[in-house]
Amino acid sequence: MSDAATQALIDECHRQFENCRDTAVSFTIWLRVMRWARLFCLVAPVVFGALATWQVLTGFPVWAAVFTLLATVIPPAYRASRFDREIEDYQSLAGEFTNLRDRFRQAALISSKKSFGEFETDTKPLFARLEKARGRTLTPPEWCFKLARRKIEVGDYVHDYDEKLPKRVS
């Protein structure tokens, strides 16, 4: 095959590296929020239950009623939301996109040095995995993607080793 085909596949590997990186970081940011929300849903009923029975509130029956309501509504609402399953899904796909990010980077930097046939053979399973990962559409809020892009652009996800390398001309 030609150098043009090799370069096209290298370019595509770089694009998919970026896509996987951005997706993984977005999922990780949303996963952090979801974990904090889960913690709140597990701890809040205990706190609200304690507040509802607190003797100080005997003069404020409305507050005691509100805290009782919150203590009893949060647990079934949490279970009904299937929140734990969603956290598992995001964990799994954040890991898969992180792994694919690294594999596409390695393909572009290492496998691209092989013959085009070997390079293409190395990348086909990566594209198949990517298709499978994209088959499960998870959609974190838009602000997660924007925050992820900002973190990436300021260099939060640049390896120290890469910082030491001389800049390459593309």
C-alpha atoms as a PDB file:
ATOM      1  CA  MET A   1       0.000   0.000   0.000  1.00  0.00           C
ATOM      2  CA  SER A   2       1.001   3.575  -0.396  1.00  0.00           C
ATOM      3  CA  ASP A   3       2.403   6.033   2.067  1.00  0.00           C
ATOM      4  CA  ALA A   4      -0.849   7.980   1.644  1.00  0.00           C
ATOM      5  CA  ALA A   5      -2.879   5.032   2.978  1.00  0.00           C
ATOM      6  CA  THR A   6      -0.503   4.638   5.918  1.00  0.00           C
ATOM      7  CA  GLN A   7      -0.717   8.346   6.698  1.00  0.00           C
ATOM      8  CA  ALA A   8      -4.503   8.256   6.454  1.00  0.00           C
ATOM      9  CA  LEU A   9      -4.634   5.395   8.969  1.00  0.00           C
ATOM     10  CA  ILE A  10      -2.175   7.199  11.263  1.00  0.00           C
ATOM     11  CA  ASP A  11      -4.384  10.301  11.086  1.00  0.00           C
ATOM     12  CA  GLU A  12      -7.462   8.228  11.899  1.00  0.00           C
ATOM     13  CA  CYS A  13      -5.694   6.631  14.868  1.00  0.00           C
ATOM     14  CA  HIS A  14      -4.848  10.116  16.161  1.00  0.00           C
ATOM     15  CA  ARG A  15      -8.489  11.210  15.723  1.00  0.00           C
ATOM     16  CA  GLN A  16      -9.757   8.166  17.586  1.00  0.00           C
ATOM     17  CA  PHE A  17      -7.141   8.710  20.296  1.00  0.00           C
ATOM     18  CA  GLU A  18      -8.573  12.208  20.814  1.00  0.00           C
ATOM     19  CA  ASN A  19     -12.181  10.997  20.700  1.00  0.00           C
ATOM     20  CA  CYS A  20     -11.491   8.239  23.223  1.00  0.00           C
ATOM     21  CA  ARG A  21      -9.536  10.600  25.483  1.00  0.00           C
ATOM     22  CA  ASP A  22     -12.302  13.213  25.476  1.00  0.00           C
ATOM     23  CA  THR A  23     -14.995  10.604  26.082  1.00  0.00           C
ATOM     24  CA  ALA A  24     -13.045   8.918  28.880  1.00  0.00           C
ATOM     25  CA  VAL A  25     -12.397  12.211  30.654  1.00  0.00           C
ATOM     26  CA  SER A  26     -16.045  13.295  30.282  1.00  0.00           C
ATOM     27  CA  PHE A  27     -17.222   9.957  31.673  1.00  0.00           C
ATOM     28  CA  THR A  28     -14.745  10.182  34.556  1.00  0.00           C
ATOM     29  CA  ILE A  29     -15.934  13.659  35.506  1.00  0.00           C
ATOM     30  CA  TRP A  30     -19.579  12.549  35.423  1.00  0.00           C
ATOM     31  CA  LEU A  31     -18.699   9.395  37.332  1.00  0.00           C
ATOM     32  CA  ARG A  32     -17.246  11.497  40.155  1.00  0.00           C
ATOM     33  CA  VAL A  33     -20.491  13.475  40.377  1.00  0.00           C
ATOM     34  CA  MET A  34     -22.556  10.301  40.342  1.00  0.00           C
ATOM     35  CA  ARG A  35     -20.479   8.772  43.130  1.00  0.00           C
ATOM     36  CA  TRP A  36     -20.978  11.865  45.294  1.00  0.00           C
ATOM     37  CA  ALA A  37     -24.720  11.751  44.530  1.00  0.00           C
ATOM     38  CA  ARG A  38     -24.809   8.079  45.542  1.00  0.00           C
ATOM     39  CA  LEU A  39     -23.032   8.923  48.790  1.00  0.00           C
ATOM     40  CA  PHE A  40     -25.569  11.671  49.446  1.00  0.00           C
ATOM     41  CA  CYS A  41     -28.476   9.285  48.766  1.00  0.00           C
ATOM     42  CA  LEU A  42     -27.033   6.748  51.182  1.00  0.00           C
ATOM     43  CA  VAL A  43     -26.127   9.152  53.995  1.00  0.00           C
ATOM     44  CA  ALA A  44     -28.887  11.776  53.717  1.00  0.00           C
ATOM     45  CA  PRO A  45     -31.750   9.535  54.923  1.00  0.00           C
ATOM     46  CA  VAL A  46     -29.831   8.781  58.117  1.00  0.00           C
ATOM     47  CA  VAL A  47     -29.134  12.470  58.725  1.00  0.00           C
ATOM     48  CA  PHE A  48     -32.703  13.512  57.858  1.00  0.00           C
ATOM     49  CA  GLY A  49     -34.081  10.741  60.095  1.00  0.00           C
ATOM     50  CA  ALA A  50     -31.943  11.965  62.969  1.00  0.00           C
ATOM     51  CA  LEU A  51     -33.032  15.560  62.373  1.00  0.00           C
ATOM     52  CA  ALA A  52     -36.695  14.530  62.245  1.00  0.00           C
ATOM     53  CA  THR A  53     -36.465  13.012  65.727  1.00  0.00           C
ATOM     54  CA  TRP A  54     -34.302  15.754  67.207  1.00  0.00           C
ATOM     55  CA  GLN A  55     -35.882  17.235  70.325  1.00  0.00           C
ATOM     56  CA  VAL A  56     -34.973  20.780  69.265  1.00  0.00           C
ATOM     57  CA  LEU A  57     -37.524  20.479  66.455  1.00  0.00           C
ATOM     58  CA  THR A  58     -40.462  19.740  68.770  1.00  0.00           C
ATOM     59  CA  GLY A  59     -41.415  23.407  68.437  1.00  0.00           C
ATOM     60  CA  PHE A  60     -41.155  23.197  64.643  1.00  0.00           C
ATOM     61  CA  PRO A  61     -43.363  20.311  63.520  1.00  0.00           C
ATOM     62  CA  VAL A  62     -43.210  21.387  59.863  1.00  0.00           C
ATOM     63  CA  TRP A  63     -39.431  20.873  59.793  1.00  0.00           C
ATOM     64  CA  ALA A  64     -39.758  17.513  61.513  1.00  0.00           C
ATOM     65  CA  ALA A  65     -42.314  16.497  58.872  1.00  0.00           C
ATOM     66  CA  VAL A  66     -40.060  17.676  56.021  1.00  0.00           C
ATOM     67  CA  PHE A  67     -37.081  15.753  57.395  1.00  0.00           C
ATOM     68  CA  THR A  68     -39.240  12.652  57.911  1.00  0.00           C
ATOM     69  CA  LEU A  69     -40.486  12.892  54.347  1.00  0.00           C
ATOM     70  CA  LEU A  70     -36.966  13.253  52.970  1.00  0.00           C
ATOM     71  CA  ALA A  71     -35.677  10.366  55.077  1.00  0.00           C
ATOM     72  CA  THR A  72     -38.408   8.078  53.744  1.00  0.00           C
ATOM     73  CA  VAL A  73     -38.549   9.236  50.101  1.00  0.00           C
ATOM     74  CA  ILE A  74     -34.849   9.281  49.203  1.00  0.00           C
ATOM     75  CA  PRO A  75     -34.093   5.529  49.624  1.00  0.00           C
ATOM     76  CA  PRO A  76     -36.873   4.188  47.362  1.00  0.00           C
ATOM     77  CA  ALA A  77     -36.293   6.960  44.823  1.00  0.00           C
ATOM     78  CA  TYR A  78     -32.610   6.035  44.751  1.00  0.00           C
ATOM     79  CA  ARG A  79     -33.373   2.335  44.248  1.00  0.00           C
ATOM     80  CA  ALA A  80     -35.945   3.082  41.547  1.00  0.00           C
ATOM     81  CA  SER A  81     -33.464   5.223  39.642  1.00  0.00           C
ATOM     82  CA  ARG A  82     -31.125   2.230  39.126  1.00  0.00           C
ATOM     83  CA  PHE A  83     -28.311   4.640  39.900  1.00  0.00           C
ATOM     84  CA  ASP A  84     -25.866   1.901  40.899  1.00  0.00           C
ATOM     85  CA  ARG A  85     -26.266   0.225  37.507  1.00  0.00           C
ATOM     86  CA  GLU A  86     -25.621   3.523  35.759  1.00  0.00           C
ATOM     87  CA  ILE A  87     -22.450   4.037  37.801  1.00  0.00           C
ATOM     88  CA  GLU A  88     -21.273   0.559  36.794  1.00  0.00           C
ATOM     89  CA  ASP A  89     -21.952   1.355  33.123  1.00  0.00           C
ATOM     90  CA  TYR A  90     -19.973   4.582  33.257  1.00  0.00           C
ATOM     91  CA  GLN A  91     -17.127   2.869  35.137  1.00  0.00           C
ATOM     92  CA  SER A  92     -16.917   0.134  32.546  1.00  0.00           C
ATOM     93  CA  LEU A  93     -17.003   2.421  29.529  1.00  0.00           C
ATOM     94  CA  ALA A  94     -14.679   5.029  31.049  1.00  0.00           C
ATOM     95  CA  GLY A  95     -12.152   2.227  31.474  1.00  0.00           C
ATOM     96  CA  GLU A  96     -12.721   0.913  27.948  1.00  0.00           C
ATOM     97  CA  PHE A  97     -12.352   4.357  26.349  1.00  0.00           C
ATOM     98  CA  THR A  98      -9.198   5.007  28.417  1.00  0.00           C
ATOM     99  CA  ASN A  99      -7.763   1.704  27.251  1.00  0.00           C
ATOM    100  CA  LEU A 100      -8.702   2.407  23.626  1.00  0.00           C
ATOM    101  CA  ARG A 101      -7.149   5.868  23.909  1.00  0.00           C
ATOM    102  CA  ASP A 102      -3.826   4.281  24.774  1.00  0.00           C
ATOM    103  CA  ARG A 103      -4.114   1.557  22.147  1.00  0.00           C
ATOM    104  CA  PHE A 104      -4.851   4.077  19.360  1.00  0.00           C
ATOM    105  CA  ARG A 105      -1.892   6.190  20.469  1.00  0.00           C
ATOM    106  CA  GLN A 106       0.359   3.121  20.403  1.00  0.00           C
ATOM    107  CA  ALA A 107      -0.942   2.127  16.992  1.00  0.00           C
ATOM    108  CA  ALA A 108      -0.199   5.587  15.590  1.00  0.00           C
ATOM    109  CA  LEU A 109       3.274   5.738  17.121  1.00  0.00           C
ATOM    110  CA  ILE A 110       4.442   2.118  16.970  1.00  0.00           C
ATOM    111  CA  SER A 111       2.323  -0.063  14.677  1.00  0.00           C
ATOM    112  CA  SER A 112       2.479   2.575  11.951  1.00  0.00           C
ATOM    113  CA  LYS A 113       6.187   1.747  11.549  1.00  0.00           C
ATOM    114  CA  LYS A 114       5.252  -1.732  10.275  1.00  0.00           C
ATOM    115  CA  SER A 115       4.111  -2.502   6.771  1.00  0.00           C
ATOM    116  CA  PHE A 116       0.679  -1.146   5.914  1.00  0.00           C
ATOM    117  CA  GLY A 117      -0.851  -4.636   6.029  1.00  0.00           C
ATOM    118  CA  GLU A 118       0.483  -5.317   9.516  1.00  0.00           C
ATOM    119  CA  PHE A 119      -0.487  -1.833  10.665  1.00  0.00           C
ATOM    120  CA  GLU A 120      -4.017  -2.302   9.354  1.00  0.00           C
ATOM    121  CA  THR A 121      -4.211  -5.736  10.987  1.00  0.00           C
ATOM    122  CA  ASP A 122      -3.159  -4.216  14.319  1.00  0.00           C
ATOM    123  CA  THR A 123      -5.802  -1.482  14.128  1.00  0.00           C
ATOM    124  CA  LYS A 124      -8.825  -3.526  12.975  1.00  0.00           C
ATOM    125  CA  PRO A 125      -9.511  -5.005  16.442  1.00  0.00           C
ATOM    126  CA  LEU A 126      -9.262  -1.512  17.932  1.00  0.00           C
ATOM    127  CA  PHE A 127     -11.918  -0.168  15.591  1.00  0.00           C
ATOM    128  CA  ALA A 128     -14.118  -3.188  16.367  1.00  0.00           C
ATOM    129  CA  ARG A 129     -13.764  -2.537  20.111  1.00  0.00           C
ATOM    130  CA  LEU A 130     -14.559   1.119  19.544  1.00  0.00           C
ATOM    131  CA  GLU A 131     -17.730   0.223  17.638  1.00  0.00           C
ATOM    132  CA  LYS A 132     -18.773  -2.096  20.465  1.00  0.00           C
ATOM    133  CA  ALA A 133     -18.088   0.581  23.106  1.00  0.00           C
ATOM    134  CA  ARG A 134     -20.095   3.115  21.129  1.00  0.00           C
ATOM    135  CA  GLY A 135     -22.989   0.659  20.928  1.00  0.00           C
ATOM    136  CA  ARG A 136     -23.880   1.609  24.495  1.00  0.00           C
ATOM    137  CA  THR A 137     -24.833   5.239  24.343  1.00  0.00           C
ATOM    138  CA  LEU A 138     -24.193   6.961  27.640  1.00  0.00           C
ATOM    139  CA  THR A 139     -24.733  10.698  27.702  1.00  0.00           C
ATOM    140  CA  PRO A 140     -23.215  12.670  30.542  1.00  0.00           C
ATOM    141  CA  PRO A 141     -24.331  16.302  30.767  1.00  0.00           C
ATOM    142  CA  GLU A 142     -22.814  18.715  28.262  1.00  0.00           C
ATOM    143  CA  TRP A 143     -20.949  20.567  31.009  1.00  0.00           C
ATOM    144  CA  CYS A 144     -18.897  17.397  31.651  1.00  0.00           C
ATOM    145  CA  PHE A 145     -17.620  17.461  28.080  1.00  0.00           C
ATOM    146  CA  LYS A 146     -16.847  21.172  28.290  1.00  0.00           C
ATOM    147  CA  LEU A 147     -14.988  20.693  31.577  1.00  0.00           C
ATOM    148  CA  ALA A 148     -13.119  17.719  30.110  1.00  0.00           C
ATOM    149  CA  ARG A 149     -12.023  19.772  27.085  1.00  0.00           C
ATOM    150  CA  ARG A 150     -10.847  22.573  29.371  1.00  0.00           C
ATOM    151  CA  LYS A 151      -8.848  20.140  31.537  1.00  0.00           C
ATOM    152  CA  ILE A 152      -7.288  18.540  28.453  1.00  0.00           C
ATOM    153  CA  GLU A 153      -6.426  21.897  26.867  1.00  0.00           C
ATOM    154  CA  VAL A 154      -4.609  23.137  29.991  1.00  0.00           C
ATOM    155  CA  GLY A 155      -2.510  19.979  30.016  1.00  0.00           C
ATOM    156  CA  ASP A 156      -3.988  18.018  32.924  1.00  0.00           C
ATOM    157  CA  TYR A 157      -3.711  14.830  30.861  1.00  0.00           C
ATOM    158  CA  VAL A 158      -0.228  15.287  29.401  1.00  0.00           C
ATOM    159  CA  HIS A 159       2.352  12.803  30.622  1.00  0.00           C
ATOM    160  CA  ASP A 160       5.477  14.181  32.268  1.00  0.00           C
ATOM    161  CA  TYR A 161       7.557  12.089  29.875  1.00  0.00           C
ATOM    162  CA  ASP A 162       5.922  13.730  26.844  1.00  0.00           C
ATOM    163  CA  GLU A 163       6.610  17.168  28.299  1.00  0.00           C
ATOM    164  CA  LYS A 164      10.357  16.396  28.234  1.00  0.00           C
ATOM    165  CA  LEU A 165      10.391  15.311  24.591  1.00  0.00           C
ATOM    166  CA  PRO A 166      11.445  17.808  21.943  1.00  0.00           C
ATOM    167  CA  LYS A 167       8.497  19.209  20.006  1.00  0.00           C
ATOM    168  CA  ARG A 168       7.934  17.344  16.740  1.00  0.00           C
ATOM    169  CA  VAL A 169       6.940  19.081  13.549  1.00  0.00           C
ATOM    170  CA  SER A 170       3.755  17.569  12.135  1.00  0.00           C
END
